[in-house]
Every structure is written in structure tokens, then in C-alpha cells.
Amino acid sequence: MKRIIAFTSAALAAMVLIATPYAANAASSSDDALAKAVSEKLMEGKNDFDATSVIVTAEDGVVLLRGDMPGDREAVGRMGYTAERVPGVKRVEMQIDVIEE
């Protein structure tokens, strides 16, 4: 009985080690897709803010917007609101320096 349990434990451990890189790659892929979707939404022509120098990253549904942006604080708020509305976004964190015009 002990041999079967030991084999089962070893097999389970091997499966976890094999599955972990796949899960990490899948998460990374979905994070990349989410960051791209947010970036595309921010760059739409109908927005009244300039997000061309804003870098968008994502991790586990949390989107980070960082960089410089011309405009005012209200424009930054509108940009954050726009990012929050993208499907899959759980939260938006902002590290934006406003360059007042």
C-alpha cells in the first residue's frame, strides 16, 4: 500500500511541475491580450485624451497605466474610466504624470 501512495504522490508532483509552466504561459497570454485590448481602447479616435505615450501592462486582470499624458487630471480620470470598461479588467492602477498644456 505504501508503494502505491508513494507512486501516486510522485506522479501528482510531476503533473503539477509539468502543468505549472503551461498555466503561467496561459496567464501571461491572457494578460498580454488584456493589455492589448485596453491599449487599443485608449487609442480609439473618439477619446478626448491623448494616450500615445501611456504604457499598458496587465497581471491577473489588474491593469497598470503608466507614463506621461498631456491634458489635465480630468482627462486622466476619463482614461482610467475607459480602461475599467474593457471586459476582463478587474482594477486599474494609474501612474500617470500630467503634462499641462
PDB file of N, CA and C in Angstrom:
ATOM      1  N   MET A   1       0.819  -1.194   0.000  1.00  0.00           N
ATOM      2  CA  MET A   1       0.000   0.000   0.000  1.00  0.00           C
ATOM      3  C   MET A   1       0.862   1.257   0.000  1.00  0.00           C
ATOM      4  N   LYS A   2       1.958   1.256   0.736  1.00  0.00           N
ATOM      5  CA  LYS A   2       2.823   2.430   0.795  1.00  0.00           C
ATOM      6  C   LYS A   2       3.452   2.727  -0.554  1.00  0.00           C
ATOM      7  N   ARG A   3       3.769   1.714  -1.321  1.00  0.00           N
ATOM      8  CA  ARG A   3       4.367   1.930  -2.642  1.00  0.00           C
ATOM      9  C   ARG A   3       3.382   2.621  -3.578  1.00  0.00           C
ATOM     10  N   ILE A   4       2.134   2.237  -3.516  1.00  0.00           N
ATOM     11  CA  ILE A   4       1.122   2.847  -4.372  1.00  0.00           C
ATOM     12  C   ILE A   4       0.945   4.317  -4.005  1.00  0.00           C
ATOM     13  N   ILE A   5       0.893   4.617  -2.742  1.00  0.00           N
ATOM     14  CA  ILE A   5       0.753   6.008  -2.294  1.00  0.00           C
ATOM     15  C   ILE A   5       1.973   6.819  -2.706  1.00  0.00           C
ATOM     16  N   ALA A   6       3.170   6.261  -2.540  1.00  0.00           N
ATOM     17  CA  ALA A   6       4.388   6.970  -2.914  1.00  0.00           C
ATOM     18  C   ALA A   6       4.402   7.238  -4.416  1.00  0.00           C
ATOM     19  N   PHE A   7       4.003   6.252  -5.209  1.00  0.00           N
ATOM     20  CA  PHE A   7       3.967   6.434  -6.657  1.00  0.00           C
ATOM     21  C   PHE A   7       2.935   7.491  -7.041  1.00  0.00           C
ATOM     22  N   THR A   8       1.776   7.436  -6.397  1.00  0.00           N
ATOM     23  CA  THR A   8       0.720   8.395  -6.692  1.00  0.00           C
ATOM     24  C   THR A   8       1.170   9.810  -6.345  1.00  0.00           C
ATOM     25  N   SER A   9       1.815   9.973  -5.214  1.00  0.00           N
ATOM     26  CA  SER A   9       2.314  11.292  -4.814  1.00  0.00           C
ATOM     27  C   SER A   9       3.363  11.802  -5.793  1.00  0.00           C
ATOM     28  N   ALA A  10       4.258  10.915  -6.209  1.00  0.00           N
ATOM     29  CA  ALA A  10       5.293  11.315  -7.156  1.00  0.00           C
ATOM     30  C   ALA A  10       4.674  11.677  -8.501  1.00  0.00           C
ATOM     31  N   ALA A  11       3.700  10.901  -8.937  1.00  0.00           N
ATOM     32  CA  ALA A  11       3.041  11.188 -10.205  1.00  0.00           C
ATOM     33  C   ALA A  11       2.300  12.518 -10.136  1.00  0.00           C
ATOM     34  N   LEU A  12       1.642  12.783  -9.019  1.00  0.00           N
ATOM     35  CA  LEU A  12       0.925  14.043  -8.842  1.00  0.00           C
ATOM     36  C   LEU A  12       1.898  15.218  -8.852  1.00  0.00           C
ATOM     37  N   ALA A  13       3.018  15.068  -8.174  1.00  0.00           N
ATOM     38  CA  ALA A  13       4.024  16.134  -8.148  1.00  0.00           C
ATOM     39  C   ALA A  13       4.558  16.405  -9.551  1.00  0.00           C
ATOM     40  N   ALA A  14       4.787  15.353 -10.331  1.00  0.00           N
ATOM     41  CA  ALA A  14       5.277  15.519 -11.692  1.00  0.00           C
ATOM     42  C   ALA A  14       4.236  16.233 -12.547  1.00  0.00           C
ATOM     43  N   MET A  15       2.967  15.899 -12.364  1.00  0.00           N
ATOM     44  CA  MET A  15       1.915  16.557 -13.129  1.00  0.00           C
ATOM     45  C   MET A  15       1.841  18.044 -12.798  1.00  0.00           C
ATOM     46  N   VAL A  16       2.011  18.391 -11.535  1.00  0.00           N
ATOM     47  CA  VAL A  16       1.986  19.804 -11.133  1.00  0.00           C
ATOM     48  C   VAL A  16       3.154  20.544 -11.766  1.00  0.00           C
ATOM     49  N   LEU A  17       4.335  19.937 -11.760  1.00  0.00           N
ATOM     50  CA  LEU A  17       5.504  20.584 -12.350  1.00  0.00           C
ATOM     51  C   LEU A  17       5.340  20.767 -13.854  1.00  0.00           C
ATOM     52  N   ILE A  18       4.713  19.806 -14.498  1.00  0.00           N
ATOM     53  CA  ILE A  18       4.504  19.916 -15.940  1.00  0.00           C
ATOM     54  C   ILE A  18       3.430  20.964 -16.246  1.00  0.00           C
ATOM     55  N   ALA A  19       2.375  21.010 -15.456  1.00  0.00           N
ATOM     56  CA  ALA A  19       1.262  21.917 -15.721  1.00  0.00           C
ATOM     57  C   ALA A  19       1.585  23.362 -15.360  1.00  0.00           C
ATOM     58  N   THR A  20       2.470  23.589 -14.413  1.00  0.00           N
ATOM     59  CA  THR A  20       2.755  24.940 -13.942  1.00  0.00           C
ATOM     60  C   THR A  20       3.255  25.866 -15.048  1.00  0.00           C
ATOM     61  N   PRO A  21       4.251  25.474 -15.858  1.00  0.00           N
ATOM     62  CA  PRO A  21       4.666  26.389 -16.931  1.00  0.00           C
ATOM     63  C   PRO A  21       3.545  26.670 -17.923  1.00  0.00           C
ATOM     64  N   TYR A  22       2.725  25.671 -18.201  1.00  0.00           N
ATOM     65  CA  TYR A  22       1.605  25.878 -19.118  1.00  0.00           C
ATOM     66  C   TYR A  22       0.641  26.900 -18.547  1.00  0.00           C
ATOM     67  N   ALA A  23       0.306  26.759 -17.261  1.00  0.00           N
ATOM     68  CA  ALA A  23      -0.617  27.700 -16.615  1.00  0.00           C
ATOM     69  C   ALA A  23      -0.018  29.105 -16.602  1.00  0.00           C
ATOM     70  N   ALA A  24       1.277  29.202 -16.335  1.00  0.00           N
ATOM     71  CA  ALA A  24       1.928  30.515 -16.317  1.00  0.00           C
ATOM     72  C   ALA A  24       1.893  31.140 -17.709  1.00  0.00           C
ATOM     73  N   ASN A  25       2.136  30.331 -18.749  1.00  0.00           N
ATOM     74  CA  ASN A  25       2.093  30.849 -20.116  1.00  0.00           C
ATOM     75  C   ASN A  25       0.688  31.266 -20.503  1.00  0.00           C
ATOM     76  N   ALA A  26      -0.297  30.488 -20.064  1.00  0.00           N
ATOM     77  CA  ALA A  26      -1.688  30.835 -20.377  1.00  0.00           C
ATOM     78  C   ALA A  26      -2.069  32.149 -19.706  1.00  0.00           C
ATOM     79  N   ALA A  27      -1.651  32.325 -18.448  1.00  0.00           N
ATOM     80  CA  ALA A  27      -1.940  33.577 -17.738  1.00  0.00           C
ATOM     81  C   ALA A  27      -1.226  34.737 -18.414  1.00  0.00           C
ATOM     82  N   SER A  28       0.026  34.518 -18.792  1.00  0.00           N
ATOM     83  CA  SER A  28       0.790  35.566 -19.457  1.00  0.00           C
ATOM     84  C   SER A  28       0.136  35.944 -20.779  1.00  0.00           C
ATOM     85  N   SER A  29      -0.339  34.951 -21.495  1.00  0.00           N
ATOM     86  CA  SER A  29      -1.002  35.196 -22.767  1.00  0.00           C
ATOM     87  C   SER A  29      -2.282  36.007 -22.582  1.00  0.00           C
ATOM     88  N   SER A  30      -3.082  35.650 -21.575  1.00  0.00           N
ATOM     89  CA  SER A  30      -4.320  36.397 -21.332  1.00  0.00           C
ATOM     90  C   SER A  30      -4.019  37.799 -20.821  1.00  0.00           C
ATOM     91  N   ASP A  31      -2.957  37.948 -20.031  1.00  0.00           N
ATOM     92  CA  ASP A  31      -2.550  39.281 -19.581  1.00  0.00           C
ATOM     93  C   ASP A  31      -2.128  40.143 -20.768  1.00  0.00           C
ATOM     94  N   ASP A  32      -1.373  39.547 -21.684  1.00  0.00           N
ATOM     95  CA  ASP A  32      -0.944  40.281 -22.877  1.00  0.00           C
ATOM     96  C   ASP A  32      -2.145  40.699 -23.720  1.00  0.00           C
ATOM     97  N   ALA A  33      -3.109  39.789 -23.863  1.00  0.00           N
ATOM     98  CA  ALA A  33      -4.311  40.096 -24.651  1.00  0.00           C
ATOM     99  C   ALA A  33      -5.119  41.203 -23.988  1.00  0.00           C
ATOM    100  N   LEU A  34      -5.206  41.174 -22.661  1.00  0.00           N
ATOM    101  CA  LEU A  34      -5.944  42.213 -21.945  1.00  0.00           C
ATOM    102  C   LEU A  34      -5.242  43.558 -22.089  1.00  0.00           C
ATOM    103  N   ALA A  35      -3.938  43.583 -21.932  1.00  0.00           N
ATOM    104  CA  ALA A  35      -3.187  44.834 -22.090  1.00  0.00           C
ATOM    105  C   ALA A  35      -3.364  45.394 -23.504  1.00  0.00           C
ATOM    106  N   LYS A  36      -3.355  44.522 -24.491  1.00  0.00           N
ATOM    107  CA  LYS A  36      -3.553  44.965 -25.874  1.00  0.00           C
ATOM    108  C   LYS A  36      -4.956  45.531 -26.077  1.00  0.00           C
ATOM    109  N   ALA A  37      -5.956  44.861 -25.516  1.00  0.00           N
ATOM    110  CA  ALA A  37      -7.341  45.341 -25.656  1.00  0.00           C
ATOM    111  C   ALA A  37      -7.520  46.708 -25.009  1.00  0.00           C
ATOM    112  N   VAL A  38      -6.925  46.899 -23.828  1.00  0.00           N
ATOM    113  CA  VAL A  38      -7.020  48.193 -23.143  1.00  0.00           C
ATOM    114  C   VAL A  38      -6.290  49.258 -23.953  1.00  0.00           C
ATOM    115  N   SER A  39      -5.099  48.937 -24.433  1.00  0.00           N
ATOM    116  CA  SER A  39      -4.327  49.889 -25.222  1.00  0.00           C
ATOM    117  C   SER A  39      -5.096  50.315 -26.472  1.00  0.00           C
ATOM    118  N   GLU A  40      -5.704  49.349 -27.152  1.00  0.00           N
ATOM    119  CA  GLU A  40      -6.484  49.679 -28.350  1.00  0.00           C
ATOM    120  C   GLU A  40      -7.683  50.565 -28.003  1.00  0.00           C
ATOM    121  N   LYS A  41      -8.324  50.290 -26.887  1.00  0.00           N
ATOM    122  CA  LYS A  41      -9.474  51.097 -26.460  1.00  0.00           C
ATOM    123  C   LYS A  41      -9.032  52.529 -26.152  1.00  0.00           C
ATOM    124  N   LEU A  42      -7.872  52.671 -25.512  1.00  0.00           N
ATOM    125  CA  LEU A  42      -7.368  54.005 -25.169  1.00  0.00           C
ATOM    126  C   LEU A  42      -6.948  54.796 -26.398  1.00  0.00           C
ATOM    127  N   MET A  43      -6.593  54.107 -27.471  1.00  0.00           N
ATOM    128  CA  MET A  43      -6.106  54.785 -28.664  1.00  0.00           C
ATOM    129  C   MET A  43      -7.223  55.078 -29.672  1.00  0.00           C
ATOM    130  N   GLU A  44      -8.458  54.693 -29.363  1.00  0.00           N
ATOM    131  CA  GLU A  44      -9.566  54.968 -30.277  1.00  0.00           C
ATOM    132  C   GLU A  44      -9.683  56.471 -30.532  1.00  0.00           C
ATOM    133  N   GLY A  45     -10.024  56.817 -31.744  1.00  0.00           N
ATOM    134  CA  GLY A  45     -10.124  58.217 -32.135  1.00  0.00           C
ATOM    135  C   GLY A  45     -11.207  59.002 -31.421  1.00  0.00           C
ATOM    136  N   LYS A  46     -12.203  58.317 -30.881  1.00  0.00           N
ATOM    137  CA  LYS A  46     -13.309  59.046 -30.249  1.00  0.00           C
ATOM    138  C   LYS A  46     -12.999  59.517 -28.827  1.00  0.00           C
ATOM    139  N   ASN A  47     -11.866  59.121 -28.270  1.00  0.00           N
ATOM    140  CA  ASN A  47     -11.487  59.569 -26.926  1.00  0.00           C
ATOM    141  C   ASN A  47     -11.018  61.017 -26.955  1.00  0.00           C
ATOM    142  N   ASP A  48     -11.253  61.727 -25.872  1.00  0.00           N
ATOM    143  CA  ASP A  48     -10.830  63.130 -25.800  1.00  0.00           C
ATOM    144  C   ASP A  48      -9.565  63.298 -24.964  1.00  0.00           C
ATOM    145  N   PHE A  49      -8.734  62.273 -24.957  1.00  0.00           N
ATOM    146  CA  PHE A  49      -7.442  62.346 -24.278  1.00  0.00           C
ATOM    147  C   PHE A  49      -6.389  61.704 -25.175  1.00  0.00           C
ATOM    148  N   ASP A  50      -5.129  62.056 -24.923  1.00  0.00           N
ATOM    149  CA  ASP A  50      -4.012  61.558 -25.728  1.00  0.00           C
ATOM    150  C   ASP A  50      -3.236  60.525 -24.917  1.00  0.00           C
ATOM    151  N   ALA A  51      -3.389  59.251 -25.259  1.00  0.00           N
ATOM    152  CA  ALA A  51      -2.732  58.174 -24.515  1.00  0.00           C
ATOM    153  C   ALA A  51      -1.570  57.569 -25.293  1.00  0.00           C
ATOM    154  N   THR A  52      -1.030  58.320 -26.271  1.00  0.00           N
ATOM    155  CA  THR A  52       0.019  57.756 -27.131  1.00  0.00           C
ATOM    156  C   THR A  52       1.299  57.411 -26.375  1.00  0.00           C
ATOM    157  N   SER A  53       1.585  58.076 -25.276  1.00  0.00           N
ATOM    158  CA  SER A  53       2.811  57.760 -24.535  1.00  0.00           C
ATOM    159  C   SER A  53       2.524  57.005 -23.237  1.00  0.00           C
ATOM    160  N   VAL A  54       1.348  56.421 -23.127  1.00  0.00           N
ATOM    161  CA  VAL A  54       0.982  55.646 -21.939  1.00  0.00           C
ATOM    162  C   VAL A  54       1.278  54.176 -22.197  1.00  0.00           C
ATOM    163  N   ILE A  55       1.977  53.560 -21.270  1.00  0.00           N
ATOM    164  CA  ILE A  55       2.309  52.133 -21.357  1.00  0.00           C
ATOM    165  C   ILE A  55       1.277  51.356 -20.569  1.00  0.00           C
ATOM    166  N   VAL A  56       0.733  50.317 -21.178  1.00  0.00           N
ATOM    167  CA  VAL A  56      -0.309  49.498 -20.563  1.00  0.00           C
ATOM    168  C   VAL A  56       0.247  48.101 -20.298  1.00  0.00           C
ATOM    169  N   THR A  57       0.157  47.652 -19.048  1.00  0.00           N
ATOM    170  CA  THR A  57       0.504  46.277 -18.699  1.00  0.00           C
ATOM    171  C   THR A  57      -0.647  45.687 -17.893  1.00  0.00           C
ATOM    172  N   ALA A  58      -0.695  44.364 -17.829  1.00  0.00           N
ATOM    173  CA  ALA A  58      -1.757  43.698 -17.079  1.00  0.00           C
ATOM    174  C   ALA A  58      -1.201  42.460 -16.384  1.00  0.00           C
ATOM    175  N   GLU A  59      -1.757  42.192 -15.213  1.00  0.00           N
ATOM    176  CA  GLU A  59      -1.412  40.978 -14.482  1.00  0.00           C
ATOM    177  C   GLU A  59      -2.625  40.547 -13.677  1.00  0.00           C
ATOM    178  N   ASP A  60      -3.124  39.367 -13.975  1.00  0.00           N
ATOM    179  CA  ASP A  60      -4.295  38.804 -13.287  1.00  0.00           C
ATOM    180  C   ASP A  60      -5.495  39.747 -13.318  1.00  0.00           C
ATOM    181  N   GLY A  61      -5.699  40.426 -14.414  1.00  0.00           N
ATOM    182  CA  GLY A  61      -6.847  41.315 -14.557  1.00  0.00           C
ATOM    183  C   GLY A  61      -6.645  42.714 -14.024  1.00  0.00           C
ATOM    184  N   VAL A  62      -5.505  42.956 -13.388  1.00  0.00           N
ATOM    185  CA  VAL A  62      -5.187  44.295 -12.885  1.00  0.00           C
ATOM    186  C   VAL A  62      -4.350  45.008 -13.941  1.00  0.00           C
ATOM    187  N   VAL A  63      -4.856  46.138 -14.412  1.00  0.00           N
ATOM    188  CA  VAL A  63      -4.202  46.895 -15.483  1.00  0.00           C
ATOM    189  C   VAL A  63      -3.447  48.066 -14.879  1.00  0.00           C
ATOM    190  N   LEU A  64      -2.209  48.242 -15.313  1.00  0.00           N
ATOM    191  CA  LEU A  64      -1.385  49.369 -14.877  1.00  0.00           C
ATOM    192  C   LEU A  64      -1.186  50.300 -16.062  1.00  0.00           C
ATOM    193  N   LEU A  65      -1.556  51.555 -15.886  1.00  0.00           N
ATOM    194  CA  LEU A  65      -1.321  52.595 -16.886  1.00  0.00           C
ATOM    195  C   LEU A  65      -0.221  53.494 -16.341  1.00  0.00           C
ATOM    196  N   ARG A  66       0.869  53.640 -17.109  1.00  0.00           N
ATOM    197  CA  ARG A  66       1.957  54.490 -16.624  1.00  0.00           C
ATOM    198  C   ARG A  66       2.571  55.266 -17.764  1.00  0.00           C
ATOM    199  N   GLY A  67       3.067  56.432 -17.417  1.00  0.00           N
ATOM    200  CA  GLY A  67       3.708  57.282 -18.412  1.00  0.00           C
ATOM    201  C   GLY A  67       3.277  58.727 -18.275  1.00  0.00           C
ATOM    202  N   ASP A  68       3.507  59.490 -19.329  1.00  0.00           N
ATOM    203  CA  ASP A  68       3.146  60.910 -19.382  1.00  0.00           C
ATOM    204  C   ASP A  68       1.942  61.085 -20.288  1.00  0.00           C
ATOM    205  N   MET A  69       1.128  62.103 -19.950  1.00  0.00           N
ATOM    206  CA  MET A  69      -0.053  62.362 -20.748  1.00  0.00           C
ATOM    207  C   MET A  69      -0.338  63.853 -20.766  1.00  0.00           C
ATOM    208  N   PRO A  70      -0.460  64.430 -21.956  1.00  0.00           N
ATOM    209  CA  PRO A  70      -0.843  65.838 -21.999  1.00  0.00           C
ATOM    210  C   PRO A  70      -2.310  65.990 -21.623  1.00  0.00           C
ATOM    211  N   GLY A  71      -2.644  67.094 -20.990  1.00  0.00           N
ATOM    212  CA  GLY A  71      -4.031  67.340 -20.620  1.00  0.00           C
ATOM    213  C   GLY A  71      -4.154  67.804 -19.191  1.00  0.00           C
ATOM    214  N   ASP A  72      -5.159  67.264 -18.507  1.00  0.00           N
ATOM    215  CA  ASP A  72      -5.396  67.650 -17.125  1.00  0.00           C
ATOM    216  C   ASP A  72      -5.817  66.411 -16.325  1.00  0.00           C
ATOM    217  N   ARG A  73      -6.017  66.601 -15.044  1.00  0.00           N
ATOM    218  CA  ARG A  73      -6.388  65.481 -14.162  1.00  0.00           C
ATOM    219  C   ARG A  73      -7.711  64.835 -14.576  1.00  0.00           C
ATOM    220  N   GLU A  74      -8.637  65.627 -15.076  1.00  0.00           N
ATOM    221  CA  GLU A  74      -9.921  65.070 -15.508  1.00  0.00           C
ATOM    222  C   GLU A  74      -9.729  64.123 -16.687  1.00  0.00           C
ATOM    223  N   ALA A  75      -8.806  64.457 -17.581  1.00  0.00           N
ATOM    224  CA  ALA A  75      -8.514  63.589 -18.726  1.00  0.00           C
ATOM    225  C   ALA A  75      -7.940  62.252 -18.251  1.00  0.00           C
ATOM    226  N   VAL A  76      -7.110  62.305 -17.221  1.00  0.00           N
ATOM    227  CA  VAL A  76      -6.553  61.069 -16.651  1.00  0.00           C
ATOM    228  C   VAL A  76      -7.677  60.219 -16.071  1.00  0.00           C
ATOM    229  N   GLY A  77      -8.605  60.852 -15.389  1.00  0.00           N
ATOM    230  CA  GLY A  77      -9.747  60.129 -14.838  1.00  0.00           C
ATOM    231  C   GLY A  77     -10.592  59.483 -15.928  1.00  0.00           C
ATOM    232  N   ARG A  78     -10.797  60.197 -17.026  1.00  0.00           N
ATOM    233  CA  ARG A  78     -11.572  59.640 -18.142  1.00  0.00           C
ATOM    234  C   ARG A  78     -10.831  58.462 -18.771  1.00  0.00           C
ATOM    235  N   MET A  79      -9.511  58.553 -18.823  1.00  0.00           N
ATOM    236  CA  MET A  79      -8.725  57.456 -19.365  1.00  0.00           C
ATOM    237  C   MET A  79      -8.853  56.222 -18.472  1.00  0.00           C
ATOM    238  N   GLY A  80      -8.794  56.412 -17.162  1.00  0.00           N
ATOM    239  CA  GLY A  80      -8.957  55.299 -16.231  1.00  0.00           C
ATOM    240  C   GLY A  80     -10.333  54.669 -16.343  1.00  0.00           C
ATOM    241  N   TYR A  81     -11.348  55.498 -16.479  1.00  0.00           N
ATOM    242  CA  TYR A  81     -12.719  55.003 -16.632  1.00  0.00           C
ATOM    243  C   TYR A  81     -12.861  54.191 -17.922  1.00  0.00           C
ATOM    244  N   THR A  82     -12.242  54.662 -18.993  1.00  0.00           N
ATOM    245  CA  THR A  82     -12.272  53.954 -20.267  1.00  0.00           C
ATOM    246  C   THR A  82     -11.612  52.580 -20.132  1.00  0.00           C
ATOM    247  N   ALA A  83     -10.469  52.530 -19.454  1.00  0.00           N
ATOM    248  CA  ALA A  83      -9.762  51.260 -19.254  1.00  0.00           C
ATOM    249  C   ALA A  83     -10.592  50.296 -18.408  1.00  0.00           C
ATOM    250  N   GLU A  84     -11.272  50.809 -17.382  1.00  0.00           N
ATOM    251  CA  GLU A  84     -12.082  49.954 -16.498  1.00  0.00           C
ATOM    252  C   GLU A  84     -13.214  49.270 -17.243  1.00  0.00           C
ATOM    253  N   ARG A  85     -13.672  49.860 -18.316  1.00  0.00           N
ATOM    254  CA  ARG A  85     -14.828  49.325 -19.055  1.00  0.00           C
ATOM    255  C   ARG A  85     -14.467  48.194 -20.021  1.00  0.00           C
ATOM    256  N   VAL A  86     -13.176  47.912 -20.194  1.00  0.00           N
ATOM    257  CA  VAL A  86     -12.756  46.824 -21.080  1.00  0.00           C
ATOM    258  C   VAL A  86     -13.052  45.491 -20.387  1.00  0.00           C
ATOM    259  N   PRO A  87     -13.726  44.576 -21.072  1.00  0.00           N
ATOM    260  CA  PRO A  87     -14.025  43.276 -20.464  1.00  0.00           C
ATOM    261  C   PRO A  87     -12.763  42.560 -19.987  1.00  0.00           C
ATOM    262  N   GLY A  88     -12.813  42.036 -18.771  1.00  0.00           N
ATOM    263  CA  GLY A  88     -11.679  41.320 -18.192  1.00  0.00           C
ATOM    264  C   GLY A  88     -10.875  42.140 -17.199  1.00  0.00           C
ATOM    265  N   VAL A  89     -11.079  43.465 -17.201  1.00  0.00           N
ATOM    266  CA  VAL A  89     -10.344  44.330 -16.274  1.00  0.00           C
ATOM    267  C   VAL A  89     -11.007  44.263 -14.901  1.00  0.00           C
ATOM    268  N   LYS A  90     -10.209  43.895 -13.900  1.00  0.00           N
ATOM    269  CA  LYS A  90     -10.708  43.843 -12.522  1.00  0.00           C
ATOM    270  C   LYS A  90     -10.463  45.160 -11.795  1.00  0.00           C
ATOM    271  N   ARG A  91      -9.311  45.770 -12.096  1.00  0.00           N
ATOM    272  CA  ARG A  91      -8.942  47.019 -11.422  1.00  0.00           C
ATOM    273  C   ARG A  91      -7.926  47.745 -12.297  1.00  0.00           C
ATOM    274  N   VAL A  92      -7.911  49.070 -12.196  1.00  0.00           N
ATOM    275  CA  VAL A  92      -6.943  49.883 -12.932  1.00  0.00           C
ATOM    276  C   VAL A  92      -6.102  50.663 -11.939  1.00  0.00           C
ATOM    277  N   GLU A  93      -4.791  50.560 -12.095  1.00  0.00           N
ATOM    278  CA  GLU A  93      -3.852  51.351 -11.290  1.00  0.00           C
ATOM    279  C   GLU A  93      -3.206  52.371 -12.230  1.00  0.00           C
ATOM    280  N   MET A  94      -3.057  53.587 -11.722  1.00  0.00           N
ATOM    281  CA  MET A  94      -2.560  54.680 -12.560  1.00  0.00           C
ATOM    282  C   MET A  94      -1.239  55.228 -12.003  1.00  0.00           C
ATOM    283  N   GLN A  95      -0.268  55.350 -12.876  1.00  0.00           N
ATOM    284  CA  GLN A  95       0.989  56.036 -12.582  1.00  0.00           C
ATOM    285  C   GLN A  95       1.235  57.007 -13.741  1.00  0.00           C
ATOM    286  N   ILE A  96       0.392  58.020 -13.807  1.00  0.00           N
ATOM    287  CA  ILE A  96       0.405  58.961 -14.925  1.00  0.00           C
ATOM    288  C   ILE A  96       0.873  60.328 -14.456  1.00  0.00           C
ATOM    289  N   ASP A  97       1.847  60.882 -15.154  1.00  0.00           N
ATOM    290  CA  ASP A  97       2.272  62.265 -14.925  1.00  0.00           C
ATOM    291  C   ASP A  97       1.583  63.127 -15.968  1.00  0.00           C
ATOM    292  N   VAL A  98       0.856  64.144 -15.517  1.00  0.00           N
ATOM    293  CA  VAL A  98       0.123  65.016 -16.419  1.00  0.00           C
ATOM    294  C   VAL A  98       1.028  66.142 -16.885  1.00  0.00           C
ATOM    295  N   ILE A  99       1.088  66.330 -18.188  1.00  0.00           N
ATOM    296  CA  ILE A  99       1.809  67.445 -18.785  1.00  0.00           C
ATOM    297  C   ILE A  99       0.749  68.468 -19.159  1.00  0.00           C
ATOM    298  N   GLU A 100       0.633  69.524 -18.351  1.00  0.00           N
ATOM    299  CA  GLU A 100      -0.422  70.514 -18.598  1.00  0.00           C
ATOM    300  C   GLU A 100      -0.076  71.328 -19.823  1.00  0.00           C
ATOM    301  N   GLU A 101      -1.097  71.547 -20.621  1.00  0.00           N
ATOM    302  CA  GLU A 101      -0.905  72.286 -21.878  1.00  0.00           C
ATOM    303  C   GLU A 101      -1.074  73.760 -21.675  1.00  0.00           C
TER     304      GLU A 101
END
